Amino acid sequence: MDHEQRTKVSEQLNPEWAARVVRNIGVVEADFFHAAGHLSERMMAEALLAIEKVVTPPWILVENEWMPQVVCPEWKMTRGVGTGDMWLQLSEISHDEDENEHTWIAAATKTGPSFLCIEVVFRKGLQDHAEAIVRDDKAVAALLKQGFAREDESFAMYLPFQIPAEKLAQGFEQNDLTAVVAPFGKAMAQAMAARPLLDKLLEQVREAAKRK
């Protein structure tokens, strides 16, 4: 970090906030460690179970660490071997340019610089074509009406959802997160139900790739 960057950081610091953090640094460190570790891992493990419950044939669940993918056989790659031309994935979208460390808890409750969603993901070779299609308001109008959203910067298509922080806190108090993580499964089920529209989206992306 150079002098200019250090100066910028120091100017952004709120003196009262800085003093409060320092005076409570022991609690801050312990709480963050717990939130980033056990609490986030517990929540994400149960979120995976919620998603597993709604994934039925012909859909296939692919566990990918904390970002499970749901694949449709008809979306498989036309050439080669891979996850597919397109799939649904539990994703994190971040607006944190500095990529500061945060927790899955903050992402799920939308209390940090990122949020969780069910994203429509395309394989690398189709991503540029997909972005061009998703930029077209008419091409994604039906999906937007079905509750999907379009990210302003990356033009990712995703289905948003949120876990209320207080409900999550109550779930941990009761040592039962089953009802709290239900939105994970509900969002995935909603995305899967939009398959006819997603089929059309993939068809447009594939056609665009052929014309290239």
C-alpha atoms as a PDB file:
ATOM      1  CA  MET A   1       0.000   0.000   0.000  1.00  0.00           C
ATOM      2  CA  ASP A   2       1.564   3.314  -1.092  1.00  0.00           C
ATOM      3  CA  HIS A   3       1.337   6.703   0.652  1.00  0.00           C
ATOM      4  CA  GLU A   4      -1.648   7.854  -1.399  1.00  0.00           C
ATOM      5  CA  GLN A   5      -3.588   4.687  -0.597  1.00  0.00           C
ATOM      6  CA  ARG A   6      -2.768   4.945   3.113  1.00  0.00           C
ATOM      7  CA  THR A   7      -3.946   8.548   3.138  1.00  0.00           C
ATOM      8  CA  LYS A   8      -7.193   7.604   1.424  1.00  0.00           C
ATOM      9  CA  VAL A   9      -7.857   4.830   3.945  1.00  0.00           C
ATOM     10  CA  SER A  10      -7.141   7.080   6.921  1.00  0.00           C
ATOM     11  CA  GLU A  11      -9.522   9.722   5.589  1.00  0.00           C
ATOM     12  CA  GLN A  12     -12.303   7.173   5.257  1.00  0.00           C
ATOM     13  CA  LEU A  13     -12.039   6.068   8.883  1.00  0.00           C
ATOM     14  CA  ASN A  14     -14.660   7.361  11.262  1.00  0.00           C
ATOM     15  CA  PRO A  15     -12.791   8.235  14.491  1.00  0.00           C
ATOM     16  CA  GLU A  16     -15.626   7.185  16.810  1.00  0.00           C
ATOM     17  CA  TRP A  17     -16.174   3.948  14.920  1.00  0.00           C
ATOM     18  CA  ALA A  18     -12.448   3.183  14.953  1.00  0.00           C
ATOM     19  CA  ALA A  19     -12.233   3.746  18.698  1.00  0.00           C
ATOM     20  CA  ARG A  20     -15.251   1.524  19.353  1.00  0.00           C
ATOM     21  CA  VAL A  21     -13.782  -1.303  17.285  1.00  0.00           C
ATOM     22  CA  VAL A  22     -10.438  -1.116  19.072  1.00  0.00           C
ATOM     23  CA  ARG A  23     -12.051  -1.091  22.517  1.00  0.00           C
ATOM     24  CA  ASN A  24     -14.050  -4.198  21.587  1.00  0.00           C
ATOM     25  CA  ILE A  25     -11.431  -5.907  19.416  1.00  0.00           C
ATOM     26  CA  GLY A  26     -11.508  -9.128  21.444  1.00  0.00           C
ATOM     27  CA  VAL A  27     -15.242  -9.563  20.908  1.00  0.00           C
ATOM     28  CA  VAL A  28     -15.031  -8.418  17.278  1.00  0.00           C
ATOM     29  CA  GLU A  29     -12.309 -10.951  16.447  1.00  0.00           C
ATOM     30  CA  ALA A  30     -14.041 -13.804  18.264  1.00  0.00           C
ATOM     31  CA  ASP A  31     -17.431 -13.059  16.732  1.00  0.00           C
ATOM     32  CA  PHE A  32     -16.046 -12.784  13.202  1.00  0.00           C
ATOM     33  CA  PHE A  33     -14.118 -16.036  13.563  1.00  0.00           C
ATOM     34  CA  HIS A  34     -17.281 -17.782  14.740  1.00  0.00           C
ATOM     35  CA  ALA A  35     -19.482 -16.198  12.045  1.00  0.00           C
ATOM     36  CA  ALA A  36     -17.049 -16.995   9.215  1.00  0.00           C
ATOM     37  CA  GLY A  37     -16.433 -20.501  10.498  1.00  0.00           C
ATOM     38  CA  HIS A  38     -18.980 -22.615  12.339  1.00  0.00           C
ATOM     39  CA  LEU A  39     -22.076 -20.446  11.813  1.00  0.00           C
ATOM     40  CA  SER A  40     -21.577 -19.983   8.075  1.00  0.00           C
ATOM     41  CA  GLU A  41     -20.641 -23.623   7.543  1.00  0.00           C
ATOM     42  CA  ARG A  42     -23.713 -24.819   9.452  1.00  0.00           C
ATOM     43  CA  MET A  43     -26.009 -22.553   7.472  1.00  0.00           C
ATOM     44  CA  MET A  44     -24.542 -23.522   4.097  1.00  0.00           C
ATOM     45  CA  ALA A  45     -24.620 -27.247   4.921  1.00  0.00           C
ATOM     46  CA  GLU A  46     -28.318 -27.026   5.734  1.00  0.00           C
ATOM     47  CA  ALA A  47     -28.910 -24.849   2.661  1.00  0.00           C
ATOM     48  CA  LEU A  48     -27.508 -27.683   0.557  1.00  0.00           C
ATOM     49  CA  LEU A  49     -29.986 -30.084   2.166  1.00  0.00           C
ATOM     50  CA  ALA A  50     -32.832 -27.678   1.366  1.00  0.00           C
ATOM     51  CA  ILE A  51     -31.751 -27.601  -2.277  1.00  0.00           C
ATOM     52  CA  GLU A  52     -31.347 -31.393  -2.418  1.00  0.00           C
ATOM     53  CA  LYS A  53     -34.994 -31.808  -1.394  1.00  0.00           C
ATOM     54  CA  VAL A  54     -36.297 -29.958  -4.461  1.00  0.00           C
ATOM     55  CA  VAL A  55     -33.965 -31.442  -7.079  1.00  0.00           C
ATOM     56  CA  THR A  56     -35.719 -34.392  -8.692  1.00  0.00           C
ATOM     57  CA  PRO A  57     -35.164 -36.188 -12.030  1.00  0.00           C
ATOM     58  CA  PRO A  58     -34.419 -35.269 -14.714  1.00  0.00           C
ATOM     59  CA  TRP A  59     -32.500 -32.582 -12.822  1.00  0.00           C
ATOM     60  CA  ILE A  60     -29.147 -33.585 -11.365  1.00  0.00           C
ATOM     61  CA  LEU A  61     -27.472 -32.037  -8.328  1.00  0.00           C
ATOM     62  CA  VAL A  62     -23.706 -31.550  -8.516  1.00  0.00           C
ATOM     63  CA  GLU A  63     -22.064 -30.663  -5.211  1.00  0.00           C
ATOM     64  CA  ASN A  64     -19.356 -28.059  -5.716  1.00  0.00           C
ATOM     65  CA  GLU A  65     -18.097 -27.107  -2.251  1.00  0.00           C
ATOM     66  CA  TRP A  66     -20.533 -24.410  -1.028  1.00  0.00           C
ATOM     67  CA  MET A  67     -21.802 -23.606  -4.539  1.00  0.00           C
ATOM     68  CA  PRO A  68     -23.999 -26.560  -5.587  1.00  0.00           C
ATOM     69  CA  GLN A  69     -24.965 -26.771  -9.243  1.00  0.00           C
ATOM     70  CA  VAL A  70     -28.219 -28.119 -10.668  1.00  0.00           C
ATOM     71  CA  VAL A  71     -27.919 -29.524 -14.172  1.00  0.00           C
ATOM     72  CA  CYS A  72     -30.525 -30.337 -16.788  1.00  0.00           C
ATOM     73  CA  PRO A  73     -29.545 -33.195 -19.182  1.00  0.00           C
ATOM     74  CA  GLU A  74     -30.927 -31.230 -22.162  1.00  0.00           C
ATOM     75  CA  TRP A  75     -28.463 -28.444 -21.366  1.00  0.00           C
ATOM     76  CA  LYS A  76     -25.444 -30.710 -21.725  1.00  0.00           C
ATOM     77  CA  MET A  77     -22.574 -29.553 -23.911  1.00  0.00           C
ATOM     78  CA  THR A  78     -23.074 -30.227 -27.612  1.00  0.00           C
ATOM     79  CA  ARG A  79     -19.362 -31.018 -27.824  1.00  0.00           C
ATOM     80  CA  GLY A  80     -16.868 -32.159 -25.231  1.00  0.00           C
ATOM     81  CA  VAL A  81     -17.404 -33.100 -21.614  1.00  0.00           C
ATOM     82  CA  GLY A  82     -18.334 -30.733 -18.813  1.00  0.00           C
ATOM     83  CA  THR A  83     -21.089 -29.555 -16.486  1.00  0.00           C
ATOM     84  CA  GLY A  84     -23.124 -28.376 -19.458  1.00  0.00           C
ATOM     85  CA  ASP A  85     -23.709 -25.400 -21.728  1.00  0.00           C
ATOM     86  CA  MET A  86     -25.774 -23.860 -18.928  1.00  0.00           C
ATOM     87  CA  TRP A  87     -26.742 -24.735 -15.364  1.00  0.00           C
ATOM     88  CA  LEU A  88     -28.309 -23.300 -12.226  1.00  0.00           C
ATOM     89  CA  GLN A  89     -25.980 -22.542  -9.349  1.00  0.00           C
ATOM     90  CA  LEU A  90     -26.096 -21.181  -5.837  1.00  0.00           C
ATOM     91  CA  SER A  91     -23.833 -18.174  -6.318  1.00  0.00           C
ATOM     92  CA  GLU A  92     -22.505 -15.155  -4.507  1.00  0.00           C
ATOM     93  CA  ILE A  93     -22.530 -11.825  -6.315  1.00  0.00           C
ATOM     94  CA  SER A  94     -20.312  -9.155  -4.798  1.00  0.00           C
ATOM     95  CA  HIS A  95     -20.083  -5.409  -5.260  1.00  0.00           C
ATOM     96  CA  ASP A  96     -16.976  -5.193  -3.079  1.00  0.00           C
ATOM     97  CA  GLU A  97     -14.235  -3.883  -5.363  1.00  0.00           C
ATOM     98  CA  ASP A  98     -11.622  -4.370  -2.639  1.00  0.00           C
ATOM     99  CA  GLU A  99     -12.746  -7.978  -2.072  1.00  0.00           C
ATOM    100  CA  ASN A 100     -12.681  -7.590   1.697  1.00  0.00           C
ATOM    101  CA  GLU A 101     -13.311 -10.775   3.650  1.00  0.00           C
ATOM    102  CA  HIS A 102     -16.882 -11.312   4.795  1.00  0.00           C
ATOM    103  CA  THR A 103     -19.119 -14.200   5.795  1.00  0.00           C
ATOM    104  CA  TRP A 104     -21.759 -16.392   4.188  1.00  0.00           C
ATOM    105  CA  ILE A 105     -24.033 -15.148   6.966  1.00  0.00           C
ATOM    106  CA  ALA A 106     -23.646 -11.554   5.749  1.00  0.00           C
ATOM    107  CA  ALA A 107     -24.220 -12.630   2.130  1.00  0.00           C
ATOM    108  CA  ALA A 108     -27.353 -14.626   2.944  1.00  0.00           C
ATOM    109  CA  THR A 109     -28.862 -11.824   5.025  1.00  0.00           C
ATOM    110  CA  LYS A 110     -27.720  -9.109   2.574  1.00  0.00           C
ATOM    111  CA  THR A 111     -25.986  -7.207   5.357  1.00  0.00           C
ATOM    112  CA  GLY A 112     -22.608  -7.065   3.612  1.00  0.00           C
ATOM    113  CA  PRO A 113     -21.189  -6.153   0.201  1.00  0.00           C
ATOM    114  CA  SER A 114     -22.432  -9.364  -1.441  1.00  0.00           C
ATOM    115  CA  PHE A 115     -25.557 -11.482  -1.687  1.00  0.00           C
ATOM    116  CA  LEU A 116     -26.508 -15.060  -2.468  1.00  0.00           C
ATOM    117  CA  CYS A 117     -28.741 -16.041  -5.370  1.00  0.00           C
ATOM    118  CA  ILE A 118     -29.586 -18.807  -7.803  1.00  0.00           C
ATOM    119  CA  GLU A 119     -27.604 -17.849 -10.890  1.00  0.00           C
ATOM    120  CA  VAL A 120     -28.005 -18.976 -14.486  1.00  0.00           C
ATOM    121  CA  VAL A 121     -24.428 -19.894 -15.398  1.00  0.00           C
ATOM    122  CA  PHE A 122     -23.010 -20.531 -18.863  1.00  0.00           C
ATOM    123  CA  ARG A 123     -19.832 -22.421 -19.673  1.00  0.00           C
ATOM    124  CA  LYS A 124     -16.801 -20.316 -20.460  1.00  0.00           C
ATOM    125  CA  GLY A 125     -17.045 -20.647 -24.243  1.00  0.00           C
ATOM    126  CA  LEU A 126     -20.592 -19.267 -24.267  1.00  0.00           C
ATOM    127  CA  GLN A 127     -20.264 -16.495 -21.684  1.00  0.00           C
ATOM    128  CA  ASP A 128     -19.641 -13.647 -24.148  1.00  0.00           C
ATOM    129  CA  HIS A 129     -22.579 -14.735 -26.291  1.00  0.00           C
ATOM    130  CA  ALA A 130     -24.752 -15.110 -23.207  1.00  0.00           C
ATOM    131  CA  GLU A 131     -23.911 -11.605 -22.041  1.00  0.00           C
ATOM    132  CA  ALA A 132     -24.905 -10.192 -25.428  1.00  0.00           C
ATOM    133  CA  ILE A 133     -28.266 -11.959 -25.238  1.00  0.00           C
ATOM    134  CA  VAL A 134     -28.903 -11.031 -21.595  1.00  0.00           C
ATOM    135  CA  ARG A 135     -28.210  -7.364 -22.416  1.00  0.00           C
ATOM    136  CA  ASP A 136     -31.217  -7.485 -24.745  1.00  0.00           C
ATOM    137  CA  ASP A 137     -34.274  -6.442 -22.730  1.00  0.00           C
ATOM    138  CA  LYS A 138     -36.639  -8.308 -25.037  1.00  0.00           C
ATOM    139  CA  ALA A 139     -34.656 -11.542 -24.781  1.00  0.00           C
ATOM    140  CA  VAL A 140     -34.958 -11.683 -20.998  1.00  0.00           C
ATOM    141  CA  ALA A 141     -38.271  -9.848 -20.472  1.00  0.00           C
ATOM    142  CA  ALA A 142     -40.170 -13.041 -19.661  1.00  0.00           C
ATOM    143  CA  LEU A 143     -37.551 -14.147 -17.142  1.00  0.00           C
ATOM    144  CA  LEU A 144     -37.606 -10.753 -15.447  1.00  0.00           C
ATOM    145  CA  LYS A 145     -41.393 -11.052 -15.111  1.00  0.00           C
ATOM    146  CA  GLN A 146     -40.864 -14.443 -13.447  1.00  0.00           C
ATOM    147  CA  GLY A 147     -38.784 -12.869 -10.685  1.00  0.00           C
ATOM    148  CA  PHE A 148     -35.305 -13.112 -12.167  1.00  0.00           C
ATOM    149  CA  ALA A 149     -32.968 -10.132 -12.008  1.00  0.00           C
ATOM    150  CA  ARG A 150     -30.096  -8.913 -14.169  1.00  0.00           C
ATOM    151  CA  GLU A 151     -26.842  -7.779 -12.586  1.00  0.00           C
ATOM    152  CA  ASP A 152     -25.879  -4.285 -13.739  1.00  0.00           C
ATOM    153  CA  GLU A 153     -22.143  -4.872 -14.183  1.00  0.00           C
ATOM    154  CA  SER A 154     -21.670  -8.504 -15.199  1.00  0.00           C
ATOM    155  CA  PHE A 155     -25.163  -8.914 -16.714  1.00  0.00           C
ATOM    156  CA  ALA A 156     -25.554 -12.180 -14.833  1.00  0.00           C
ATOM    157  CA  MET A 157     -29.108 -13.541 -14.694  1.00  0.00           C
ATOM    158  CA  TYR A 158     -30.140 -14.669 -11.253  1.00  0.00           C
ATOM    159  CA  LEU A 159     -33.053 -15.318  -8.954  1.00  0.00           C
ATOM    160  CA  PRO A 160     -32.671 -13.301  -5.749  1.00  0.00           C
ATOM    161  CA  PHE A 161     -33.634 -14.379  -2.257  1.00  0.00           C
ATOM    162  CA  GLN A 162     -32.820 -13.292   1.275  1.00  0.00           C
ATOM    163  CA  ILE A 163     -32.684 -14.831   4.729  1.00  0.00           C
ATOM    164  CA  PRO A 164     -33.930 -12.353   7.382  1.00  0.00           C
ATOM    165  CA  ALA A 165     -31.149 -11.885   9.930  1.00  0.00           C
ATOM    166  CA  GLU A 166     -33.478 -12.096  12.917  1.00  0.00           C
ATOM    167  CA  LYS A 167     -35.044 -15.356  11.702  1.00  0.00           C
ATOM    168  CA  LEU A 168     -31.573 -16.827  11.198  1.00  0.00           C
ATOM    169  CA  ALA A 169     -30.598 -15.721  14.701  1.00  0.00           C
ATOM    170  CA  GLN A 170     -33.731 -17.378  16.102  1.00  0.00           C
ATOM    171  CA  GLY A 171     -32.928 -20.539  14.156  1.00  0.00           C
ATOM    172  CA  PHE A 172     -29.523 -20.748  15.794  1.00  0.00           C
ATOM    173  CA  GLU A 173     -31.081 -20.065  19.203  1.00  0.00           C
ATOM    174  CA  GLN A 174     -33.495 -22.956  18.659  1.00  0.00           C
ATOM    175  CA  ASN A 175     -30.746 -25.086  17.100  1.00  0.00           C
ATOM    176  CA  ASP A 176     -32.965 -25.743  14.090  1.00  0.00           C
ATOM    177  CA  LEU A 177     -32.329 -24.042  10.743  1.00  0.00           C
ATOM    178  CA  THR A 178     -34.680 -26.193   8.649  1.00  0.00           C
ATOM    179  CA  ALA A 179     -37.354 -23.525   8.217  1.00  0.00           C
ATOM    180  CA  VAL A 180     -34.844 -20.688   8.027  1.00  0.00           C
ATOM    181  CA  VAL A 181     -32.933 -22.107   5.044  1.00  0.00           C
ATOM    182  CA  ALA A 182     -36.120 -23.013   3.155  1.00  0.00           C
ATOM    183  CA  PRO A 183     -35.683 -19.969   0.840  1.00  0.00           C
ATOM    184  CA  PHE A 184     -32.598 -21.654  -0.651  1.00  0.00           C
ATOM    185  CA  GLY A 185     -34.689 -24.576  -1.826  1.00  0.00           C
ATOM    186  CA  LYS A 186     -37.669 -22.404  -2.750  1.00  0.00           C
ATOM    187  CA  ALA A 187     -35.491 -20.201  -4.970  1.00  0.00           C
ATOM    188  CA  MET A 188     -33.938 -23.208  -6.686  1.00  0.00           C
ATOM    189  CA  ALA A 189     -37.378 -24.741  -7.256  1.00  0.00           C
ATOM    190  CA  GLN A 190     -38.603 -21.443  -8.718  1.00  0.00           C
ATOM    191  CA  ALA A 191     -35.622 -21.329 -11.068  1.00  0.00           C
ATOM    192  CA  MET A 192     -36.184 -24.927 -12.155  1.00  0.00           C
ATOM    193  CA  ALA A 193     -39.856 -24.166 -12.812  1.00  0.00           C
ATOM    194  CA  ALA A 194     -38.758 -21.516 -15.297  1.00  0.00           C
ATOM    195  CA  ARG A 195     -37.116 -24.159 -17.461  1.00  0.00           C
ATOM    196  CA  PRO A 196     -39.188 -23.423 -20.616  1.00  0.00           C
ATOM    197  CA  LEU A 197     -37.955 -19.828 -20.536  1.00  0.00           C
ATOM    198  CA  LEU A 198     -34.414 -20.926 -19.738  1.00  0.00           C
ATOM    199  CA  ASP A 199     -34.545 -23.397 -22.640  1.00  0.00           C
ATOM    200  CA  LYS A 200     -35.334 -20.496 -24.972  1.00  0.00           C
ATOM    201  CA  LEU A 201     -32.532 -18.416 -23.489  1.00  0.00           C
ATOM    202  CA  LEU A 202     -30.009 -21.196 -24.028  1.00  0.00           C
ATOM    203  CA  GLU A 203     -31.273 -21.727 -27.578  1.00  0.00           C
ATOM    204  CA  GLN A 204     -30.627 -18.063 -28.370  1.00  0.00           C
ATOM    205  CA  VAL A 205     -27.152 -18.225 -26.855  1.00  0.00           C
ATOM    206  CA  ARG A 206     -26.290 -21.373 -28.805  1.00  0.00           C
ATOM    207  CA  GLU A 207     -27.536 -19.806 -32.043  1.00  0.00           C
ATOM    208  CA  ALA A 208     -25.453 -16.698 -31.390  1.00  0.00           C
ATOM    209  CA  ALA A 209     -22.383 -18.897 -30.847  1.00  0.00           C
ATOM    210  CA  LYS A 210     -22.988 -20.705 -34.153  1.00  0.00           C
ATOM    211  CA  ARG A 211     -23.143 -17.416 -36.046  1.00  0.00           C
ATOM    212  CA  LYS A 212     -19.828 -16.240 -34.609  1.00  0.00           C
END
